[in-house]
PDB file of N, CA and C in Angstrom:
ATOM      1  N   MET A   1     105.660  24.656  92.922  1.00  0.00           N
ATOM      2  CA  MET A   1     104.016  25.062  92.810  1.00  0.00           C
ATOM      3  C   MET A   1     103.345  24.399  91.424  1.00  0.00           C
ATOM      4  N   LYS A   2     102.077  24.228  91.897  1.00  0.00           N
ATOM      5  CA  LYS A   2     101.241  23.706  90.962  1.00  0.00           C
ATOM      6  C   LYS A   2     100.439  24.641  90.445  1.00  0.00           C
ATOM      7  N   ASN A   3      99.597  24.339  89.318  1.00  0.00           N
ATOM      8  CA  ASN A   3      98.588  25.358  88.754  1.00  0.00           C
ATOM      9  C   ASN A   3      97.276  24.810  88.781  1.00  0.00           C
ATOM     10  N   LEU A   4      96.380  25.785  89.107  1.00  0.00           N
ATOM     11  CA  LEU A   4      95.050  25.061  89.450  1.00  0.00           C
ATOM     12  C   LEU A   4      94.391  26.132  88.785  1.00  0.00           C
ATOM     13  N   ASN A   5      93.403  25.856  87.505  1.00  0.00           N
ATOM     14  CA  ASN A   5      92.636  26.546  87.012  1.00  0.00           C
ATOM     15  C   ASN A   5      91.283  26.202  87.007  1.00  0.00           C
ATOM     16  N   ILE A   6      90.417  27.188  88.012  1.00  0.00           N
ATOM     17  CA  ILE A   6      89.067  26.761  88.038  1.00  0.00           C
ATOM     18  C   ILE A   6      88.053  27.910  87.448  1.00  0.00           C
ATOM     19  N   ASP A   7      87.007  27.456  86.520  1.00  0.00           N
ATOM     20  CA  ASP A   7      85.996  28.174  85.836  1.00  0.00           C
ATOM     21  C   ASP A   7      84.843  27.651  86.379  1.00  0.00           C
ATOM     22  N   ILE A   8      84.168  28.538  86.700  1.00  0.00           N
ATOM     23  CA  ILE A   8      82.764  28.535  87.205  1.00  0.00           C
ATOM     24  C   ILE A   8      81.854  29.160  86.472  1.00  0.00           C
ATOM     25  N   CYS A   9      80.707  28.400  85.719  1.00  0.00           N
ATOM     26  CA  CYS A   9      79.716  28.970  84.931  1.00  0.00           C
ATOM     27  C   CYS A   9      79.063  29.656  85.730  1.00  0.00           C
ATOM     28  N   CYS A  10      78.394  31.074  85.356  1.00  0.00           N
ATOM     29  CA  CYS A  10      77.613  32.007  85.869  1.00  0.00           C
ATOM     30  C   CYS A  10      76.352  32.076  85.294  1.00  0.00           C
ATOM     31  N   GLY A  11      75.885  31.331  84.492  1.00  0.00           N
ATOM     32  CA  GLY A  11      74.910  31.358  83.315  1.00  0.00           C
ATOM     33  C   GLY A  11      73.561  31.187  84.671  1.00  0.00           C
ATOM     34  N   ALA A  12      72.487  31.847  84.575  1.00  0.00           N
ATOM     35  CA  ALA A  12      71.169  31.781  85.347  1.00  0.00           C
ATOM     36  C   ALA A  12      70.991  30.619  85.782  1.00  0.00           C
ATOM     37  N   ARG A  13      71.134  29.002  85.009  1.00  0.00           N
ATOM     38  CA  ARG A  13      70.631  27.748  85.624  1.00  0.00           C
ATOM     39  C   ARG A  13      71.862  27.648  86.847  1.00  0.00           C
ATOM     40  N   CYS A  14      72.871  27.730  86.437  1.00  0.00           N
ATOM     41  CA  CYS A  14      74.558  27.188  87.272  1.00  0.00           C
ATOM     42  C   CYS A  14      74.042  28.242  88.658  1.00  0.00           C
ATOM     43  N   THR A  15      73.633  29.289  88.409  1.00  0.00           N
ATOM     44  CA  THR A  15      73.781  30.121  89.724  1.00  0.00           C
ATOM     45  C   THR A  15      72.636  29.651  90.791  1.00  0.00           C
ATOM     46  N   MET A  16      71.389  29.243  90.171  1.00  0.00           N
ATOM     47  CA  MET A  16      70.356  28.760  90.675  1.00  0.00           C
ATOM     48  C   MET A  16      70.430  27.379  91.295  1.00  0.00           C
ATOM     49  N   MET A  17      71.458  26.944  91.038  1.00  0.00           N
ATOM     50  CA  MET A  17      72.170  25.558  91.102  1.00  0.00           C
ATOM     51  C   MET A  17      73.134  25.413  92.282  1.00  0.00           C
ATOM     52  N   GLY A  18      73.877  26.656  92.562  1.00  0.00           N
ATOM     53  CA  GLY A  18      74.691  26.528  93.776  1.00  0.00           C
ATOM     54  C   GLY A  18      76.250  27.514  93.284  1.00  0.00           C
ATOM     55  N   ALA A  19      76.138  27.812  92.306  1.00  0.00           N
ATOM     56  CA  ALA A  19      77.438  28.475  91.466  1.00  0.00           C
ATOM     57  C   ALA A  19      78.192  29.424  92.193  1.00  0.00           C
ATOM     58  N   VAL A  20      77.556  30.251  93.095  1.00  0.00           N
ATOM     59  CA  VAL A  20      77.855  31.256  93.991  1.00  0.00           C
ATOM     60  C   VAL A  20      78.451  30.768  95.095  1.00  0.00           C
ATOM     61  N   ASP A  21      77.946  29.283  95.879  1.00  0.00           N
ATOM     62  CA  ASP A  21      78.219  28.917  97.196  1.00  0.00           C
ATOM     63  C   ASP A  21      79.808  27.984  96.402  1.00  0.00           C
ATOM     64  N   LEU A  22      79.973  27.564  94.956  1.00  0.00           N
ATOM     65  CA  LEU A  22      81.257  26.884  94.913  1.00  0.00           C
ATOM     66  C   LEU A  22      82.324  28.204  94.280  1.00  0.00           C
ATOM     67  N   LEU A  23      81.950  29.363  93.992  1.00  0.00           N
ATOM     68  CA  LEU A  23      82.812  30.072  93.684  1.00  0.00           C
ATOM     69  C   LEU A  23      83.362  30.856  95.198  1.00  0.00           C
ATOM     70  N   GLU A  24      82.542  30.835  96.285  1.00  0.00           N
ATOM     71  CA  GLU A  24      83.026  31.531  97.538  1.00  0.00           C
ATOM     72  C   GLU A  24      83.815  30.102  98.023  1.00  0.00           C
ATOM     73  N   LYS A  25      83.610  28.752  98.207  1.00  0.00           N
ATOM     74  CA  LYS A  25      84.460  27.613  98.467  1.00  0.00           C
ATOM     75  C   LYS A  25      85.846  27.491  97.820  1.00  0.00           C
ATOM     76  N   ALA A  26      85.854  28.010  96.338  1.00  0.00           N
ATOM     77  CA  ALA A  26      87.077  27.753  95.552  1.00  0.00           C
ATOM     78  C   ALA A  26      87.875  29.223  96.060  1.00  0.00           C
ATOM     79  N   GLU A  27      87.404  30.119  96.463  1.00  0.00           N
ATOM     80  CA  GLU A  27      88.071  31.444  96.862  1.00  0.00           C
ATOM     81  C   GLU A  27      88.912  31.163  98.185  1.00  0.00           C
ATOM     82  N   SER A  28      87.951  30.407  98.769  1.00  0.00           N
ATOM     83  CA  SER A  28      88.737  30.195 100.045  1.00  0.00           C
ATOM     84  C   SER A  28      89.798  29.435 100.313  1.00  0.00           C
ATOM     85  N   PHE A  29      89.999  28.349  99.266  1.00  0.00           N
ATOM     86  CA  PHE A  29      90.724  27.481  98.989  1.00  0.00           C
ATOM     87  C   PHE A  29      92.106  27.902  98.952  1.00  0.00           C
ATOM     88  N   LYS A  30      92.064  28.997  98.305  1.00  0.00           N
ATOM     89  CA  LYS A  30      93.017  29.863  98.007  1.00  0.00           C
ATOM     90  C   LYS A  30      94.479  30.241  99.421  1.00  0.00           C
ATOM     91  N   SER A  31      93.629  30.235 100.325  1.00  0.00           N
ATOM     92  CA  SER A  31      94.058  30.629 101.620  1.00  0.00           C
ATOM     93  C   SER A  31      94.925  29.576 101.974  1.00  0.00           C
ATOM     94  N   VAL A  32      94.384  28.300 102.027  1.00  0.00           N
ATOM     95  CA  VAL A  32      95.061  26.991 102.164  1.00  0.00           C
ATOM     96  C   VAL A  32      96.080  26.613 101.745  1.00  0.00           C
ATOM     97  N   PHE A  33      96.232  26.952 100.230  1.00  0.00           N
ATOM     98  CA  PHE A  33      97.480  26.971  99.303  1.00  0.00           C
ATOM     99  C   PHE A  33      98.142  27.992  98.918  1.00  0.00           C
ATOM    100  N   PRO A  34      98.484  28.702  99.880  1.00  0.00           N
ATOM    101  CA  PRO A  34      98.973  30.191  99.296  1.00  0.00           C
ATOM    102  C   PRO A  34     100.307  30.001  98.302  1.00  0.00           C
ATOM    103  N   ASP A  35     101.067  29.182  98.302  1.00  0.00           N
ATOM    104  CA  ASP A  35     102.178  28.919  97.352  1.00  0.00           C
ATOM    105  C   ASP A  35     101.774  28.447  95.917  1.00  0.00           C
ATOM    106  N   ASP A  36     100.564  27.894  95.629  1.00  0.00           N
ATOM    107  CA  ASP A  36     100.366  27.391  94.593  1.00  0.00           C
ATOM    108  C   ASP A  36      99.494  28.281  93.661  1.00  0.00           C
ATOM    109  N   ASN A  37      99.538  28.350  92.218  1.00  0.00           N
ATOM    110  CA  ASN A  37      99.119  29.119  91.414  1.00  0.00           C
ATOM    111  C   ASN A  37      97.566  28.845  91.310  1.00  0.00           C
ATOM    112  N   ILE A  38      96.788  29.276  91.983  1.00  0.00           N
ATOM    113  CA  ILE A  38      95.235  29.249  92.109  1.00  0.00           C
ATOM    114  C   ILE A  38      94.492  30.291  91.242  1.00  0.00           C
ATOM    115  N   ILE A  39      93.810  29.637  90.397  1.00  0.00           N
ATOM    116  CA  ILE A  39      92.796  30.876  89.248  1.00  0.00           C
ATOM    117  C   ILE A  39      91.604  30.610  89.465  1.00  0.00           C
ATOM    118  N   VAL A  40      90.928  31.210  90.091  1.00  0.00           N
ATOM    119  CA  VAL A  40      89.397  31.089  90.366  1.00  0.00           C
ATOM    120  C   VAL A  40      88.741  32.058  89.199  1.00  0.00           C
ATOM    121  N   GLN A  41      87.896  31.700  88.080  1.00  0.00           N
ATOM    122  CA  GLN A  41      87.176  32.764  87.167  1.00  0.00           C
ATOM    123  C   GLN A  41      85.665  32.461  87.329  1.00  0.00           C
ATOM    124  N   VAL A  42      85.053  33.206  86.949  1.00  0.00           N
ATOM    125  CA  VAL A  42      83.432  33.305  86.593  1.00  0.00           C
ATOM    126  C   VAL A  42      83.483  33.361  85.199  1.00  0.00           C
ATOM    127  N   VAL A  43      83.097  32.415  84.477  1.00  0.00           N
ATOM    128  CA  VAL A  43      82.953  32.212  83.136  1.00  0.00           C
ATOM    129  C   VAL A  43      81.304  32.509  82.845  1.00  0.00           C
ATOM    130  N   PRO A  44      81.222  33.117  81.412  1.00  0.00           N
ATOM    131  CA  PRO A  44      79.849  33.049  80.933  1.00  0.00           C
ATOM    132  C   PRO A  44      79.103  31.710  80.853  1.00  0.00           C
ATOM    133  N   CYS A  45      78.066  31.877  80.648  1.00  0.00           N
ATOM    134  CA  CYS A  45      77.147  30.576  80.437  1.00  0.00           C
ATOM    135  C   CYS A  45      77.790  29.377  79.434  1.00  0.00           C
ATOM    136  N   THR A  46      77.981  28.351  79.640  1.00  0.00           N
ATOM    137  CA  THR A  46      78.716  27.461  78.470  1.00  0.00           C
ATOM    138  C   THR A  46      77.922  26.792  77.991  1.00  0.00           C
ATOM    139  N   GLN A  47      76.188  27.133  78.072  1.00  0.00           N
ATOM    140  CA  GLN A  47      75.408  26.427  77.426  1.00  0.00           C
ATOM    141  C   GLN A  47      75.343  24.756  77.280  1.00  0.00           C
ATOM    142  N   GLU A  48      76.094  24.245  78.409  1.00  0.00           N
ATOM    143  CA  GLU A  48      76.187  22.439  78.327  1.00  0.00           C
ATOM    144  C   GLU A  48      75.212  21.907  78.840  1.00  0.00           C
ATOM    145  N   CYS A  49      74.639  22.727  79.742  1.00  0.00           N
ATOM    146  CA  CYS A  49      73.085  22.192  80.482  1.00  0.00           C
ATOM    147  C   CYS A  49      71.770  22.063  79.443  1.00  0.00           C
ATOM    148  N   LYS A  50      71.952  22.976  78.622  1.00  0.00           N
ATOM    149  CA  LYS A  50      70.763  23.204  77.957  1.00  0.00           C
ATOM    150  C   LYS A  50      70.221  21.899  76.853  1.00  0.00           C
ATOM    151  N   GLY A  51      69.229  21.573  76.792  1.00  0.00           N
ATOM    152  CA  GLY A  51      68.850  20.501  76.115  1.00  0.00           C
ATOM    153  C   GLY A  51      69.074  19.159  76.725  1.00  0.00           C
ATOM    154  N   THR A  52      69.410  19.091  78.203  1.00  0.00           N
ATOM    155  CA  THR A  52      69.617  17.591  79.091  1.00  0.00           C
ATOM    156  C   THR A  52      68.230  17.488  79.539  1.00  0.00           C
ATOM    157  N   LYS A  53      67.936  16.218  79.869  1.00  0.00           N
ATOM    158  CA  LYS A  53      66.456  15.986  80.351  1.00  0.00           C
ATOM    159  C   LYS A  53      67.018  16.277  82.085  1.00  0.00           C
ATOM    160  N   THR A  54      67.688  16.277  82.407  1.00  0.00           N
ATOM    161  CA  THR A  54      67.957  16.408  83.869  1.00  0.00           C
ATOM    162  C   THR A  54      69.358  17.528  83.893  1.00  0.00           C
ATOM    163  N   SER A  55      68.993  18.562  84.819  1.00  0.00           N
ATOM    164  CA  SER A  55      70.037  19.754  84.663  1.00  0.00           C
ATOM    165  C   SER A  55      71.353  19.195  85.114  1.00  0.00           C
ATOM    166  N   ALA A  56      72.429  20.007  84.221  1.00  0.00           N
ATOM    167  CA  ALA A  56      73.763  19.191  84.534  1.00  0.00           C
ATOM    168  C   ALA A  56      74.532  20.360  85.234  1.00  0.00           C
ATOM    169  N   ALA A  57      73.732  21.442  86.031  1.00  0.00           N
ATOM    170  CA  ALA A  57      74.015  22.693  86.652  1.00  0.00           C
ATOM    171  C   ALA A  57      74.356  22.175  87.773  1.00  0.00           C
ATOM    172  N   PRO A  58      75.347  22.896  88.584  1.00  0.00           N
ATOM    173  CA  PRO A  58      76.183  23.932  87.995  1.00  0.00           C
ATOM    174  C   PRO A  58      77.448  23.037  87.280  1.00  0.00           C
ATOM    175  N   ILE A  59      77.961  23.924  86.590  1.00  0.00           N
ATOM    176  CA  ILE A  59      79.153  23.300  85.841  1.00  0.00           C
ATOM    177  C   ILE A  59      80.421  23.944  86.126  1.00  0.00           C
ATOM    178  N   VAL A  60      81.686  23.484  86.449  1.00  0.00           N
ATOM    179  CA  VAL A  60      82.930  23.794  86.888  1.00  0.00           C
ATOM    180  C   VAL A  60      83.796  23.137  85.856  1.00  0.00           C
ATOM    181  N   THR A  61      84.894  23.756  85.584  1.00  0.00           N
ATOM    182  CA  THR A  61      85.832  23.313  85.003  1.00  0.00           C
ATOM    183  C   THR A  61      87.178  23.467  85.763  1.00  0.00           C
ATOM    184  N   ILE A  62      87.817  22.239  85.919  1.00  0.00           N
ATOM    185  CA  ILE A  62      89.051  22.303  86.766  1.00  0.00           C
ATOM    186  C   ILE A  62      90.324  21.608  85.762  1.00  0.00           C
ATOM    187  N   ASN A  63      90.941  22.864  85.418  1.00  0.00           N
ATOM    188  CA  ASN A  63      92.021  22.526  84.617  1.00  0.00           C
ATOM    189  C   ASN A  63      91.757  21.570  83.156  1.00  0.00           C
ATOM    190  N   ASN A  64      90.556  22.287  82.786  1.00  0.00           N
ATOM    191  CA  ASN A  64      90.234  21.851  81.408  1.00  0.00           C
ATOM    192  C   ASN A  64      89.517  20.563  81.423  1.00  0.00           C
ATOM    193  N   GLU A  65      88.811  20.087  82.483  1.00  0.00           N
ATOM    194  CA  GLU A  65      88.187  18.828  82.883  1.00  0.00           C
ATOM    195  C   GLU A  65      86.964  19.498  83.617  1.00  0.00           C
ATOM    196  N   LYS A  66      85.741  18.922  82.486  1.00  0.00           N
ATOM    197  CA  LYS A  66      84.291  19.599  82.969  1.00  0.00           C
ATOM    198  C   LYS A  66      83.550  18.725  84.312  1.00  0.00           C
ATOM    199  N   MET A  67      83.390  19.321  85.262  1.00  0.00           N
ATOM    200  CA  MET A  67      82.548  18.749  86.028  1.00  0.00           C
ATOM    201  C   MET A  67      80.978  19.128  86.150  1.00  0.00           C
ATOM    202  N   LEU A  68      80.146  18.155  85.721  1.00  0.00           N
ATOM    203  CA  LEU A  68      78.756  18.626  85.641  1.00  0.00           C
ATOM    204  C   LEU A  68      78.454  18.105  86.937  1.00  0.00           C
ATOM    205  N   ASN A  69      76.901  19.095  87.319  1.00  0.00           N
ATOM    206  CA  ASN A  69      76.433  18.606  88.798  1.00  0.00           C
ATOM    207  C   ASN A  69      77.330  19.044  89.848  1.00  0.00           C
ATOM    208  N   ALA A  70      78.081  20.040  89.957  1.00  0.00           N
ATOM    209  CA  ALA A  70      79.318  20.312  90.674  1.00  0.00           C
ATOM    210  C   ALA A  70      78.638  20.352  92.266  1.00  0.00           C
ATOM    211  N   THR A  71      79.388  19.965  93.107  1.00  0.00           N
ATOM    212  CA  THR A  71      79.160  20.256  94.320  1.00  0.00           C
ATOM    213  C   THR A  71      80.310  21.053  95.131  1.00  0.00           C
ATOM    214  N   PRO A  72      80.169  21.213  96.207  1.00  0.00           N
ATOM    215  CA  PRO A  72      81.528  21.847  97.259  1.00  0.00           C
ATOM    216  C   PRO A  72      82.380  20.885  97.537  1.00  0.00           C
ATOM    217  N   GLN A  73      81.456  19.651  97.802  1.00  0.00           N
ATOM    218  CA  GLN A  73      82.504  18.408  97.933  1.00  0.00           C
ATOM    219  C   GLN A  73      83.086  17.960  96.824  1.00  0.00           C
ATOM    220  N   LYS A  74      82.594  17.658  95.762  1.00  0.00           N
ATOM    221  CA  LYS A  74      83.342  17.190  94.639  1.00  0.00           C
ATOM    222  C   LYS A  74      84.290  18.322  94.034  1.00  0.00           C
ATOM    223  N   VAL A  75      84.079  19.667  94.190  1.00  0.00           N
ATOM    224  CA  VAL A  75      84.863  20.278  93.672  1.00  0.00           C
ATOM    225  C   VAL A  75      86.343  20.617  94.486  1.00  0.00           C
ATOM    226  N   MET A  76      86.154  20.398  95.902  1.00  0.00           N
ATOM    227  CA  MET A  76      87.473  19.991  96.842  1.00  0.00           C
ATOM    228  C   MET A  76      87.811  19.008  96.534  1.00  0.00           C
ATOM    229  N   GLU A  77      87.496  18.008  96.414  1.00  0.00           N
ATOM    230  CA  GLU A  77      87.900  16.697  96.124  1.00  0.00           C
ATOM    231  C   GLU A  77      88.951  16.741  94.890  1.00  0.00           C
ATOM    232  N   LYS A  78      88.407  17.407  93.923  1.00  0.00           N
ATOM    233  CA  LYS A  78      89.097  17.468  92.480  1.00  0.00           C
ATOM    234  C   LYS A  78      90.219  18.495  92.699  1.00  0.00           C
ATOM    235  N   MET A  79      90.168  19.678  93.801  1.00  0.00           N
ATOM    236  CA  MET A  79      91.040  20.652  93.870  1.00  0.00           C
ATOM    237  C   MET A  79      92.169  19.893  94.610  1.00  0.00           C
ATOM    238  N   MET A  80      91.737  19.299  95.310  1.00  0.00           N
ATOM    239  CA  MET A  80      93.019  18.510  96.265  1.00  0.00           C
ATOM    240  C   MET A  80      93.806  17.205  95.436  1.00  0.00           C
ATOM    241  N   GLU A  81      93.049  16.912  94.611  1.00  0.00           N
ATOM    242  CA  GLU A  81      94.013  15.978  93.925  1.00  0.00           C
ATOM    243  C   GLU A  81      94.756  16.416  92.781  1.00  0.00           C
ATOM    244  N   VAL A  82      94.431  17.429  92.145  1.00  0.00           N
ATOM    245  CA  VAL A  82      95.290  18.092  91.318  1.00  0.00           C
ATOM    246  C   VAL A  82      96.336  18.767  92.145  1.00  0.00           C
ATOM    247  N   LEU A  83      96.212  19.469  93.135  1.00  0.00           N
ATOM    248  CA  LEU A  83      97.600  19.625  94.071  1.00  0.00           C
ATOM    249  C   LEU A  83      98.389  19.120  94.809  1.00  0.00           C
ATOM    250  N   ARG A  84      97.784  17.464  94.877  1.00  0.00           N
ATOM    251  CA  ARG A  84      98.809  16.659  95.311  1.00  0.00           C
ATOM    252  C   ARG A  84      99.688  16.221  94.691  1.00  0.00           C
TER     253      ARG A  84
END
């Protein structure tokens, strides 16, 4: 059994840039790997996208590794990599 911790920023910018879609995809992933310990959490704004010239949102952290400009495809690929 492997552990997978996913934190999805729910700040305004991240939400506008697709955090809700990322949350839904990550939650649905739990049914594919029911034997693994997959924890999906919504976290308060991390402030990491502030002050950048280009938006870094949405921000997702998977097992303490930050992912900027997260897309469903990038997040799913990283989750598969961790669970292999």
